[in-house]
PDB file of N, CA and C in Angstrom:
ATOM      1  N   MET A   1     -24.674   2.163   3.032  1.00  0.00           N
ATOM      2  CA  MET A   1     -23.432   1.308   2.321  1.00  0.00           C
ATOM      3  C   MET A   1     -23.587   0.214   1.751  1.00  0.00           C
ATOM      4  N   LEU A   2     -23.946   0.275   0.098  1.00  0.00           N
ATOM      5  CA  LEU A   2     -24.516  -0.907  -0.421  1.00  0.00           C
ATOM      6  C   LEU A   2     -23.320  -1.798  -0.406  1.00  0.00           C
ATOM      7  N   LEU A   3     -22.488  -2.038  -0.219  1.00  0.00           N
ATOM      8  CA  LEU A   3     -21.199  -3.160   0.048  1.00  0.00           C
ATOM      9  C   LEU A   3     -20.155  -2.409   0.842  1.00  0.00           C
ATOM     10  N   ASP A   4     -19.928  -4.281   2.236  1.00  0.00           N
ATOM     11  CA  ASP A   4     -19.186  -4.155   3.430  1.00  0.00           C
ATOM     12  C   ASP A   4     -18.611  -4.604   2.333  1.00  0.00           C
ATOM     13  N   LEU A   5     -16.979  -3.560   2.126  1.00  0.00           N
ATOM     14  CA  LEU A   5     -15.753  -4.616   2.339  1.00  0.00           C
ATOM     15  C   LEU A   5     -14.078  -5.106   2.600  1.00  0.00           C
ATOM     16  N   ARG A   6     -15.064  -4.386   4.289  1.00  0.00           N
ATOM     17  CA  ARG A   6     -13.731  -4.631   5.538  1.00  0.00           C
ATOM     18  C   ARG A   6     -13.429  -6.310   4.958  1.00  0.00           C
ATOM     19  N   GLY A   7     -12.030  -6.342   5.225  1.00  0.00           N
ATOM     20  CA  GLY A   7     -11.460  -6.994   4.854  1.00  0.00           C
ATOM     21  C   GLY A   7     -10.605  -7.064   3.758  1.00  0.00           C
ATOM     22  N   LYS A   8     -11.456  -6.534   2.621  1.00  0.00           N
ATOM     23  CA  LYS A   8     -11.250  -7.026   1.416  1.00  0.00           C
ATOM     24  C   LYS A   8      -9.267  -6.411   1.285  1.00  0.00           C
ATOM     25  N   LYS A   9      -8.872  -6.166  -0.010  1.00  0.00           N
ATOM     26  CA  LYS A   9      -8.366  -5.424  -0.517  1.00  0.00           C
ATOM     27  C   LYS A   9      -8.819  -4.964  -1.879  1.00  0.00           C
ATOM     28  N   ALA A  10      -8.236  -3.609  -2.681  1.00  0.00           N
ATOM     29  CA  ALA A  10      -8.570  -2.969  -3.656  1.00  0.00           C
ATOM     30  C   ALA A  10      -7.192  -2.517  -4.782  1.00  0.00           C
ATOM     31  N   LEU A  11      -6.720  -2.737  -5.542  1.00  0.00           N
ATOM     32  CA  LEU A  11      -5.625  -2.096  -5.721  1.00  0.00           C
ATOM     33  C   LEU A  11      -6.244  -1.321  -7.091  1.00  0.00           C
ATOM     34  N   VAL A  12      -6.379   0.337  -7.103  1.00  0.00           N
ATOM     35  CA  VAL A  12      -6.730   1.867  -7.625  1.00  0.00           C
ATOM     36  C   VAL A  12      -5.704   1.339  -8.657  1.00  0.00           C
ATOM     37  N   THR A  13      -6.300   1.879 -10.001  1.00  0.00           N
ATOM     38  CA  THR A  13      -4.989   2.110 -10.692  1.00  0.00           C
ATOM     39  C   THR A  13      -5.532   3.943 -11.205  1.00  0.00           C
ATOM     40  N   GLY A  14      -4.170   4.628 -11.771  1.00  0.00           N
ATOM     41  CA  GLY A  14      -4.914   5.763 -12.709  1.00  0.00           C
ATOM     42  C   GLY A  14      -5.458   7.163 -11.560  1.00  0.00           C
ATOM     43  N   ILE A  15      -5.373   7.068 -10.568  1.00  0.00           N
ATOM     44  CA  ILE A  15      -5.392   8.441 -10.393  1.00  0.00           C
ATOM     45  C   ILE A  15      -4.630   9.750 -10.441  1.00  0.00           C
ATOM     46  N   ALA A  16      -4.271  10.733 -11.264  1.00  0.00           N
ATOM     47  CA  ALA A  16      -4.553  11.875 -11.892  1.00  0.00           C
ATOM     48  C   ALA A  16      -4.463  12.805 -11.211  1.00  0.00           C
ATOM     49  N   ASN A  17      -5.995  13.480 -10.932  1.00  0.00           N
ATOM     50  CA  ASN A  17      -5.411  14.080  -9.389  1.00  0.00           C
ATOM     51  C   ASN A  17      -7.199  14.218  -9.134  1.00  0.00           C
ATOM     52  N   ASN A  18      -7.973  15.161  -8.430  1.00  0.00           N
ATOM     53  CA  ASN A  18      -9.286  14.750  -8.174  1.00  0.00           C
ATOM     54  C   ASN A  18     -10.188  14.947  -8.484  1.00  0.00           C
ATOM     55  N   LYS A  19      -9.938  14.764  -9.879  1.00  0.00           N
ATOM     56  CA  LYS A  19     -11.094  15.584 -11.045  1.00  0.00           C
ATOM     57  C   LYS A  19     -11.519  13.383 -11.961  1.00  0.00           C
ATOM     58  N   SER A  20     -10.256  12.964 -11.376  1.00  0.00           N
ATOM     59  CA  SER A  20      -9.837  11.664 -12.248  1.00  0.00           C
ATOM     60  C   SER A  20     -11.624   9.983 -11.619  1.00  0.00           C
ATOM     61  N   ILE A  21     -11.409   9.803 -12.454  1.00  0.00           N
ATOM     62  CA  ILE A  21     -13.101   8.510 -11.874  1.00  0.00           C
ATOM     63  C   ILE A  21     -12.307   6.854 -10.994  1.00  0.00           C
ATOM     64  N   ALA A  22     -11.069   7.375 -11.390  1.00  0.00           N
ATOM     65  CA  ALA A  22     -10.220   6.076 -10.561  1.00  0.00           C
ATOM     66  C   ALA A  22     -10.319   6.548  -8.599  1.00  0.00           C
ATOM     67  N   TRP A  23      -9.996   8.118  -8.665  1.00  0.00           N
ATOM     68  CA  TRP A  23     -10.196   9.381  -7.505  1.00  0.00           C
ATOM     69  C   TRP A  23     -11.038   8.697  -6.797  1.00  0.00           C
ATOM     70  N   GLY A  24     -12.586   9.004  -7.796  1.00  0.00           N
ATOM     71  CA  GLY A  24     -14.012   8.425  -6.994  1.00  0.00           C
ATOM     72  C   GLY A  24     -13.972   7.061  -6.795  1.00  0.00           C
ATOM     73  N   ILE A  25     -13.802   6.133  -7.785  1.00  0.00           N
ATOM     74  CA  ILE A  25     -13.182   5.439  -6.870  1.00  0.00           C
ATOM     75  C   ILE A  25     -13.250   4.614  -6.421  1.00  0.00           C
ATOM     76  N   ALA A  26     -11.472   5.524  -5.574  1.00  0.00           N
ATOM     77  CA  ALA A  26     -10.713   4.585  -4.654  1.00  0.00           C
ATOM     78  C   ALA A  26     -11.082   5.437  -3.173  1.00  0.00           C
ATOM     79  N   GLN A  27     -12.357   6.588  -3.055  1.00  0.00           N
ATOM     80  CA  GLN A  27     -12.928   7.588  -2.412  1.00  0.00           C
ATOM     81  C   GLN A  27     -14.117   6.136  -2.184  1.00  0.00           C
ATOM     82  N   GLN A  28     -14.302   5.418  -2.627  1.00  0.00           N
ATOM     83  CA  GLN A  28     -15.463   5.151  -2.492  1.00  0.00           C
ATOM     84  C   GLN A  28     -15.947   3.464  -1.777  1.00  0.00           C
ATOM     85  N   LEU A  29     -14.488   2.904  -2.552  1.00  0.00           N
ATOM     86  CA  LEU A  29     -13.756   1.911  -1.910  1.00  0.00           C
ATOM     87  C   LEU A  29     -13.364   1.536  -0.515  1.00  0.00           C
ATOM     88  N   HIS A  30     -12.519   3.388  -0.461  1.00  0.00           N
ATOM     89  CA  HIS A  30     -12.713   3.118   0.739  1.00  0.00           C
ATOM     90  C   HIS A  30     -13.555   3.012   1.948  1.00  0.00           C
ATOM     91  N   ALA A  31     -14.181   3.680   1.413  1.00  0.00           N
ATOM     92  CA  ALA A  31     -15.482   3.970   2.419  1.00  0.00           C
ATOM     93  C   ALA A  31     -16.751   3.247   2.508  1.00  0.00           C
ATOM     94  N   ALA A  32     -16.215   2.174   1.371  1.00  0.00           N
ATOM     95  CA  ALA A  32     -16.514   0.320   2.030  1.00  0.00           C
ATOM     96  C   ALA A  32     -16.062  -0.324   3.301  1.00  0.00           C
ATOM     97  N   GLY A  33     -14.868   0.229   3.196  1.00  0.00           N
ATOM     98  CA  GLY A  33     -13.597  -0.465   3.670  1.00  0.00           C
ATOM     99  C   GLY A  33     -12.580  -1.127   3.397  1.00  0.00           C
ATOM    100  N   ALA A  34     -12.707  -1.128   2.286  1.00  0.00           N
ATOM    101  CA  ALA A  34     -11.637  -1.834   1.933  1.00  0.00           C
ATOM    102  C   ALA A  34     -10.362  -1.441   1.912  1.00  0.00           C
ATOM    103  N   GLU A  35      -9.112  -2.113   1.769  1.00  0.00           N
ATOM    104  CA  GLU A  35      -7.745  -1.289   2.253  1.00  0.00           C
ATOM    105  C   GLU A  35      -7.094  -1.467   0.387  1.00  0.00           C
ATOM    106  N   LEU A  36      -6.274  -0.186   0.818  1.00  0.00           N
ATOM    107  CA  LEU A  36      -6.244   0.055  -0.993  1.00  0.00           C
ATOM    108  C   LEU A  36      -4.647   0.127  -1.379  1.00  0.00           C
ATOM    109  N   GLY A  37      -4.637   0.121  -2.430  1.00  0.00           N
ATOM    110  CA  GLY A  37      -3.333  -0.413  -2.882  1.00  0.00           C
ATOM    111  C   GLY A  37      -3.950   1.173  -4.824  1.00  0.00           C
ATOM    112  N   VAL A  38      -2.128   2.319  -4.091  1.00  0.00           N
ATOM    113  CA  VAL A  38      -3.293   3.154  -5.517  1.00  0.00           C
ATOM    114  C   VAL A  38      -1.667   2.749  -6.284  1.00  0.00           C
ATOM    115  N   THR A  39      -2.378   2.890  -7.484  1.00  0.00           N
ATOM    116  CA  THR A  39      -0.868   3.644  -8.879  1.00  0.00           C
ATOM    117  C   THR A  39      -1.663   3.580  -9.690  1.00  0.00           C
ATOM    118  N   TYR A  40      -0.696   4.678 -10.191  1.00  0.00           N
ATOM    119  CA  TYR A  40      -0.486   6.019 -11.059  1.00  0.00           C
ATOM    120  C   TYR A  40       1.030   6.134 -11.674  1.00  0.00           C
ATOM    121  N   LEU A  41       1.144   7.152 -13.043  1.00  0.00           N
ATOM    122  CA  LEU A  41       1.411   7.041 -14.684  1.00  0.00           C
ATOM    123  C   LEU A  41       2.270   8.672 -13.878  1.00  0.00           C
ATOM    124  N   PRO A  42       3.476   7.865 -13.579  1.00  0.00           N
ATOM    125  CA  PRO A  42       4.447   8.790 -13.248  1.00  0.00           C
ATOM    126  C   PRO A  42       4.838  10.050 -13.994  1.00  0.00           C
ATOM    127  N   ASP A  43       5.249  11.345 -14.135  1.00  0.00           N
ATOM    128  CA  ASP A  43       5.867  12.209 -15.055  1.00  0.00           C
ATOM    129  C   ASP A  43       7.582  12.092 -15.083  1.00  0.00           C
ATOM    130  N   ASP A  44       7.350  13.194 -16.443  1.00  0.00           N
ATOM    131  CA  ASP A  44       9.022  13.015 -16.439  1.00  0.00           C
ATOM    132  C   ASP A  44      10.096  14.037 -14.828  1.00  0.00           C
ATOM    133  N   LYS A  45       9.675  14.827 -14.428  1.00  0.00           N
ATOM    134  CA  LYS A  45       9.700  15.684 -13.418  1.00  0.00           C
ATOM    135  C   LYS A  45       9.525  15.759 -12.430  1.00  0.00           C
ATOM    136  N   GLY A  46       8.580  14.235 -12.349  1.00  0.00           N
ATOM    137  CA  GLY A  46       8.296  13.804 -11.006  1.00  0.00           C
ATOM    138  C   GLY A  46       7.286  14.634  -9.671  1.00  0.00           C
ATOM    139  N   ARG A  47       6.122  15.279 -10.827  1.00  0.00           N
ATOM    140  CA  ARG A  47       6.125  16.434  -9.966  1.00  0.00           C
ATOM    141  C   ARG A  47       4.599  15.084  -9.506  1.00  0.00           C
ATOM    142  N   PHE A  48       4.106  14.183 -10.391  1.00  0.00           N
ATOM    143  CA  PHE A  48       2.635  13.964  -9.788  1.00  0.00           C
ATOM    144  C   PHE A  48       2.921  12.535  -8.681  1.00  0.00           C
ATOM    145  N   GLU A  49       4.120  11.896  -7.959  1.00  0.00           N
ATOM    146  CA  GLU A  49       4.102  11.038  -7.451  1.00  0.00           C
ATOM    147  C   GLU A  49       3.568  12.389  -6.132  1.00  0.00           C
ATOM    148  N   GLY A  50       4.010  13.259  -5.490  1.00  0.00           N
ATOM    149  CA  GLY A  50       4.146  13.719  -3.893  1.00  0.00           C
ATOM    150  C   GLY A  50       2.297  15.116  -4.626  1.00  0.00           C
ATOM    151  N   LYS A  51       1.532  14.839  -5.430  1.00  0.00           N
ATOM    152  CA  LYS A  51       0.700  15.478  -6.006  1.00  0.00           C
ATOM    153  C   LYS A  51      -0.291  14.515  -4.950  1.00  0.00           C
ATOM    154  N   VAL A  52       0.010  13.039  -6.587  1.00  0.00           N
ATOM    155  CA  VAL A  52      -0.750  12.127  -5.317  1.00  0.00           C
ATOM    156  C   VAL A  52      -0.719  11.226  -4.184  1.00  0.00           C
ATOM    157  N   ARG A  53       0.693  12.052  -3.858  1.00  0.00           N
ATOM    158  CA  ARG A  53      -0.005  10.913  -2.506  1.00  0.00           C
ATOM    159  C   ARG A  53      -0.158  12.106  -1.627  1.00  0.00           C
ATOM    160  N   GLU A  54      -0.137  13.136  -1.734  1.00  0.00           N
ATOM    161  CA  GLU A  54      -1.100  14.534  -1.349  1.00  0.00           C
ATOM    162  C   GLU A  54      -2.362  14.146  -0.986  1.00  0.00           C
ATOM    163  N   LEU A  55      -3.028  13.848  -2.398  1.00  0.00           N
ATOM    164  CA  LEU A  55      -4.352  13.234  -2.621  1.00  0.00           C
ATOM    165  C   LEU A  55      -4.409  11.999  -1.476  1.00  0.00           C
ATOM    166  N   THR A  56      -4.474  11.092  -2.153  1.00  0.00           N
ATOM    167  CA  THR A  56      -4.728   9.513  -0.976  1.00  0.00           C
ATOM    168  C   THR A  56      -4.039   9.832  -0.461  1.00  0.00           C
ATOM    169  N   ALA A  57      -3.406  10.925   1.160  1.00  0.00           N
ATOM    170  CA  ALA A  57      -2.910  10.218   2.028  1.00  0.00           C
ATOM    171  C   ALA A  57      -4.655   9.799   3.431  1.00  0.00           C
ATOM    172  N   PRO A  58      -5.318  10.962   3.135  1.00  0.00           N
ATOM    173  CA  PRO A  58      -6.834  10.912   4.057  1.00  0.00           C
ATOM    174  C   PRO A  58      -7.296   8.824   3.571  1.00  0.00           C
ATOM    175  N   LEU A  59      -7.343   8.203   2.660  1.00  0.00           N
ATOM    176  CA  LEU A  59      -7.431   6.890   1.920  1.00  0.00           C
ATOM    177  C   LEU A  59      -6.237   5.573   2.829  1.00  0.00           C
ATOM    178  N   ALA A  60      -5.265   6.118   3.596  1.00  0.00           N
ATOM    179  CA  ALA A  60      -3.768   5.792   3.818  1.00  0.00           C
ATOM    180  C   ALA A  60      -3.821   4.396   3.098  1.00  0.00           C
ATOM    181  N   PRO A  61      -3.907   4.585   1.554  1.00  0.00           N
ATOM    182  CA  PRO A  61      -3.273   2.781   0.825  1.00  0.00           C
ATOM    183  C   PRO A  61      -2.078   2.356   1.400  1.00  0.00           C
ATOM    184  N   THR A  62      -2.375   1.402   1.068  1.00  0.00           N
ATOM    185  CA  THR A  62      -0.165   0.451   1.856  1.00  0.00           C
ATOM    186  C   THR A  62       0.334   0.356   1.131  1.00  0.00           C
ATOM    187  N   LEU A  63      -0.380   1.089   0.024  1.00  0.00           N
ATOM    188  CA  LEU A  63       1.272   0.364  -1.486  1.00  0.00           C
ATOM    189  C   LEU A  63       0.452   2.108  -1.796  1.00  0.00           C
ATOM    190  N   LEU A  64       1.828   2.638  -2.448  1.00  0.00           N
ATOM    191  CA  LEU A  64       1.565   3.558  -2.734  1.00  0.00           C
ATOM    192  C   LEU A  64       3.023   3.320  -4.384  1.00  0.00           C
ATOM    193  N   ARG A  65       2.936   3.648  -5.160  1.00  0.00           N
ATOM    194  CA  ARG A  65       3.557   3.027  -6.644  1.00  0.00           C
ATOM    195  C   ARG A  65       3.196   3.462  -8.381  1.00  0.00           C
ATOM    196  N   SER A  66       4.150   4.271  -8.638  1.00  0.00           N
ATOM    197  CA  SER A  66       4.032   4.459 -10.110  1.00  0.00           C
ATOM    198  C   SER A  66       4.263   3.067 -10.767  1.00  0.00           C
ATOM    199  N   LYS A  67       3.880   3.164 -12.050  1.00  0.00           N
ATOM    200  CA  LYS A  67       3.384   2.401 -13.128  1.00  0.00           C
ATOM    201  C   LYS A  67       4.110   2.338 -14.354  1.00  0.00           C
ATOM    202  N   ARG A  68       5.009   2.361 -15.119  1.00  0.00           N
ATOM    203  CA  ARG A  68       5.216   3.381 -16.022  1.00  0.00           C
ATOM    204  C   ARG A  68       4.959   1.863 -16.984  1.00  0.00           C
ATOM    205  N   SER A  69       5.016   2.741 -18.014  1.00  0.00           N
ATOM    206  CA  SER A  69       4.191   1.380 -19.205  1.00  0.00           C
ATOM    207  C   SER A  69       5.265   1.142 -20.367  1.00  0.00           C
ATOM    208  N   SER A  70       6.109   1.992 -19.868  1.00  0.00           N
ATOM    209  CA  SER A  70       7.280   1.524 -20.799  1.00  0.00           C
ATOM    210  C   SER A  70       7.636  -0.443 -20.621  1.00  0.00           C
ATOM    211  N   PRO A  71       8.554  -0.707 -21.391  1.00  0.00           N
ATOM    212  CA  PRO A  71       9.253  -1.660 -21.643  1.00  0.00           C
ATOM    213  C   PRO A  71      10.256  -2.187 -20.645  1.00  0.00           C
ATOM    214  N   ARG A  72      10.893  -0.468 -20.416  1.00  0.00           N
ATOM    215  CA  ARG A  72      12.482  -1.014 -19.491  1.00  0.00           C
ATOM    216  C   ARG A  72      12.054  -0.646 -18.063  1.00  0.00           C
ATOM    217  N   SER A  73      10.975  -1.137 -17.498  1.00  0.00           N
ATOM    218  CA  SER A  73      10.271  -0.966 -16.622  1.00  0.00           C
ATOM    219  C   SER A  73       9.022  -2.098 -15.910  1.00  0.00           C
ATOM    220  N   ARG A  74       9.154  -2.752 -17.497  1.00  0.00           N
ATOM    221  CA  ARG A  74       8.664  -3.885 -16.799  1.00  0.00           C
ATOM    222  C   ARG A  74       8.977  -4.798 -15.099  1.00  0.00           C
ATOM    223  N   SER A  75       9.889  -4.736 -14.651  1.00  0.00           N
ATOM    224  CA  SER A  75      10.579  -5.777 -13.075  1.00  0.00           C
ATOM    225  C   SER A  75       9.392  -4.703 -11.919  1.00  0.00           C
ATOM    226  N   SER A  76       9.118  -3.080 -11.937  1.00  0.00           N
ATOM    227  CA  SER A  76       8.300  -2.585 -11.009  1.00  0.00           C
ATOM    228  C   SER A  76       6.588  -3.487 -11.627  1.00  0.00           C
ATOM    229  N   GLY A  77       6.491  -3.706 -12.668  1.00  0.00           N
ATOM    230  CA  GLY A  77       5.037  -3.579 -12.283  1.00  0.00           C
ATOM    231  C   GLY A  77       4.764  -5.149 -12.079  1.00  0.00           C
ATOM    232  N   ALA A  78       5.894  -6.108 -12.278  1.00  0.00           N
ATOM    233  CA  ALA A  78       6.181  -7.364 -12.047  1.00  0.00           C
ATOM    234  C   ALA A  78       5.627  -6.983 -10.111  1.00  0.00           C
ATOM    235  N   ARG A  79       6.415  -6.863  -9.311  1.00  0.00           N
ATOM    236  CA  ARG A  79       6.361  -6.579  -7.967  1.00  0.00           C
ATOM    237  C   ARG A  79       5.079  -5.903  -7.155  1.00  0.00           C
ATOM    238  N   SER A  80       4.512  -4.923  -8.027  1.00  0.00           N
ATOM    239  CA  SER A  80       3.168  -4.421  -8.329  1.00  0.00           C
ATOM    240  C   SER A  80       1.778  -5.604  -8.073  1.00  0.00           C
ATOM    241  N   MET A  81       1.831  -6.412  -9.285  1.00  0.00           N
ATOM    242  CA  MET A  81       1.513  -7.278  -9.976  1.00  0.00           C
ATOM    243  C   MET A  81       1.261  -8.494  -8.087  1.00  0.00           C
ATOM    244  N   SER A  82       3.054  -9.016  -7.506  1.00  0.00           N
ATOM    245  CA  SER A  82       2.827  -9.887  -6.964  1.00  0.00           C
ATOM    246  C   SER A  82       1.975  -9.227  -5.533  1.00  0.00           C
ATOM    247  N   TRP A  83       2.218  -7.338  -5.626  1.00  0.00           N
ATOM    248  CA  TRP A  83       2.238  -7.611  -4.075  1.00  0.00           C
ATOM    249  C   TRP A  83       0.173  -7.847  -4.358  1.00  0.00           C
ATOM    250  N   CYS A  84      -0.524  -6.969  -5.931  1.00  0.00           N
ATOM    251  CA  CYS A  84      -1.401  -7.337  -5.931  1.00  0.00           C
ATOM    252  C   CYS A  84      -2.142  -9.414  -5.540  1.00  0.00           C
ATOM    253  N   THR A  85      -1.650  -9.788  -5.870  1.00  0.00           N
ATOM    254  CA  THR A  85      -1.748 -11.171  -5.944  1.00  0.00           C
ATOM    255  C   THR A  85      -1.808 -11.676  -4.553  1.00  0.00           C
ATOM    256  N   ALA A  86      -0.983 -11.556  -4.201  1.00  0.00           N
ATOM    257  CA  ALA A  86      -0.497 -12.018  -2.666  1.00  0.00           C
ATOM    258  C   ALA A  86      -2.595 -11.877  -2.078  1.00  0.00           C
ATOM    259  N   TRP A  87      -2.381 -11.029  -1.724  1.00  0.00           N
ATOM    260  CA  TRP A  87      -3.458 -10.551  -0.897  1.00  0.00           C
ATOM    261  C   TRP A  87      -5.260 -12.177  -1.408  1.00  0.00           C
ATOM    262  N   PRO A  88      -6.213 -12.006  -0.440  1.00  0.00           N
ATOM    263  CA  PRO A  88      -6.617 -13.058  -0.540  1.00  0.00           C
ATOM    264  C   PRO A  88      -8.518 -11.670  -1.133  1.00  0.00           C
ATOM    265  N   SER A  89      -8.658 -12.043  -2.104  1.00  0.00           N
ATOM    266  CA  SER A  89     -10.109 -11.672  -1.989  1.00  0.00           C
ATOM    267  C   SER A  89      -9.671 -10.431  -3.190  1.00  0.00           C
ATOM    268  N   PRO A  90      -9.128 -10.397  -4.382  1.00  0.00           N
ATOM    269  CA  PRO A  90      -9.199  -8.972  -4.792  1.00  0.00           C
ATOM    270  C   PRO A  90     -10.626  -8.445  -5.295  1.00  0.00           C
ATOM    271  N   VAL A  91     -10.089  -6.579  -4.904  1.00  0.00           N
ATOM    272  CA  VAL A  91     -11.139  -6.631  -5.292  1.00  0.00           C
ATOM    273  C   VAL A  91     -10.966  -6.192  -6.698  1.00  0.00           C
ATOM    274  N   ARG A  92     -11.985  -5.693  -7.626  1.00  0.00           N
ATOM    275  CA  ARG A  92     -11.177  -5.018  -8.956  1.00  0.00           C
ATOM    276  C   ARG A  92     -12.120  -3.537  -9.713  1.00  0.00           C
ATOM    277  N   THR A  93     -11.769  -2.847 -10.523  1.00  0.00           N
ATOM    278  CA  THR A  93     -12.086  -1.510 -10.234  1.00  0.00           C
ATOM    279  C   THR A  93     -11.753  -1.218 -12.234  1.00  0.00           C
ATOM    280  N   SER A  94     -11.281  -2.520 -12.797  1.00  0.00           N
ATOM    281  CA  SER A  94     -10.826  -1.744 -13.866  1.00  0.00           C
ATOM    282  C   SER A  94     -11.220  -3.118 -15.317  1.00  0.00           C
TER     283      SER A  94
END
Protein backbone atom coordinates (compact mmCIF):
# COMPACT_ATOMS: atom_id res chain seq x y z
CA MET A 1 0.00 0.00 0.00
CA LEU A 2 1.47 3.33 -1.08
CA LEU A 3 -0.82 5.53 1.01
CA ASP A 4 -1.90 5.20 4.61
CA LEU A 5 -5.15 7.12 4.91
CA ARG A 6 -6.31 5.65 8.20
CA GLY A 7 -8.02 8.36 10.21
CA LYS A 8 -8.66 10.45 7.08
CA LYS A 9 -11.98 11.15 5.42
CA ALA A 10 -12.57 11.43 1.67
CA LEU A 11 -15.57 12.66 -0.29
CA VAL A 12 -15.88 10.93 -3.66
CA THR A 13 -18.27 12.50 -6.16
CA GLY A 14 -19.70 11.12 -9.35
CA ILE A 15 -19.92 7.38 -8.83
CA ALA A 16 -22.29 6.20 -11.56
CA ASN A 17 -21.44 2.51 -11.98
CA ASN A 18 -18.63 0.01 -11.61
CA LYS A 19 -16.89 1.40 -14.70
CA SER A 20 -16.65 5.02 -13.55
CA ILE A 21 -13.30 6.52 -12.61
CA ALA A 22 -14.83 7.69 -9.32
CA TRP A 23 -15.61 4.05 -8.45
CA GLY A 24 -11.97 3.08 -8.93
CA ILE A 25 -10.84 6.03 -6.82
CA ALA A 26 -13.31 5.11 -4.06
CA GLN A 27 -12.04 1.53 -3.98
CA GLN A 28 -8.41 2.66 -3.67
CA LEU A 29 -9.19 5.23 -0.97
CA HIS A 30 -11.06 2.56 0.97
CA ALA A 31 -8.17 0.11 0.55
CA ALA A 32 -5.82 2.79 1.91
CA GLY A 33 -7.99 3.07 5.02
CA ALA A 34 -9.95 6.29 4.37
CA GLU A 35 -13.48 6.75 5.67
CA LEU A 36 -15.65 7.50 2.64
CA GLY A 37 -18.49 9.82 1.79
CA VAL A 38 -20.15 9.38 -1.60
CA THR A 39 -22.29 11.70 -3.70
CA TYR A 40 -23.89 10.88 -7.04
CA LEU A 41 -26.10 12.58 -9.62
CA PRO A 42 -29.68 11.31 -9.32
CA ASP A 43 -31.86 10.37 -12.25
CA ASP A 44 -35.47 11.43 -12.68
CA LYS A 45 -36.83 7.95 -11.93
CA GLY A 46 -34.77 7.38 -8.79
CA ARG A 47 -32.95 4.30 -10.07
CA PHE A 48 -29.39 5.47 -9.42
CA GLU A 49 -29.68 5.64 -5.65
CA GLY A 50 -30.31 1.91 -5.32
CA LYS A 51 -27.56 1.05 -7.79
CA VAL A 52 -25.00 3.32 -6.12
CA ARG A 53 -26.03 2.16 -2.64
CA GLU A 54 -25.61 -1.50 -3.66
CA LEU A 55 -22.30 -0.84 -5.42
CA THR A 56 -20.76 1.10 -2.53
CA ALA A 57 -22.07 -1.12 0.29
CA PRO A 58 -18.75 -3.04 0.60
CA LEU A 59 -16.96 0.30 1.11
CA ALA A 60 -19.27 1.21 4.02
CA PRO A 61 -19.57 4.93 3.22
CA THR A 62 -20.59 7.06 6.19
CA LEU A 63 -22.39 9.43 3.80
CA LEU A 64 -24.37 8.58 0.67
CA ARG A 65 -26.16 11.53 -0.85
CA SER A 66 -27.50 12.63 -4.19
CA LYS A 67 -26.02 15.82 -5.56
CA ARG A 68 -28.21 17.77 -7.94
CA SER A 69 -26.52 20.38 -10.08
CA SER A 70 -29.66 22.46 -10.56
CA PRO A 71 -30.13 25.75 -8.67
CA ARG A 72 -33.26 24.46 -6.96
CA SER A 73 -31.29 22.08 -4.75
CA ARG A 74 -28.40 24.23 -3.60
CA SER A 75 -29.39 23.65 0.02
CA SER A 76 -28.69 19.90 -0.24
CA GLY A 77 -25.27 20.72 -1.71
CA ALA A 78 -24.58 23.00 1.23
CA ARG A 79 -25.41 20.15 3.60
CA SER A 80 -22.98 17.89 1.76
CA MET A 81 -20.23 20.48 1.94
CA SER A 82 -20.83 21.13 5.64
CA TRP A 83 -20.46 17.41 6.23
CA CYS A 84 -17.16 17.43 4.34
CA THR A 85 -15.70 20.51 5.98
CA ALA A 86 -16.60 19.24 9.45
CA TRP A 87 -14.04 16.47 8.95
CA PRO A 88 -10.41 17.18 9.81
CA SER A 89 -7.82 16.69 7.04
CA PRO A 90 -10.11 15.98 4.08
CA VAL A 91 -8.64 14.11 1.13
CA ARG A 92 -9.69 15.65 -2.20
CA THR A 93 -9.96 13.45 -5.26
CA SER A 94 -10.86 16.06 -7.86
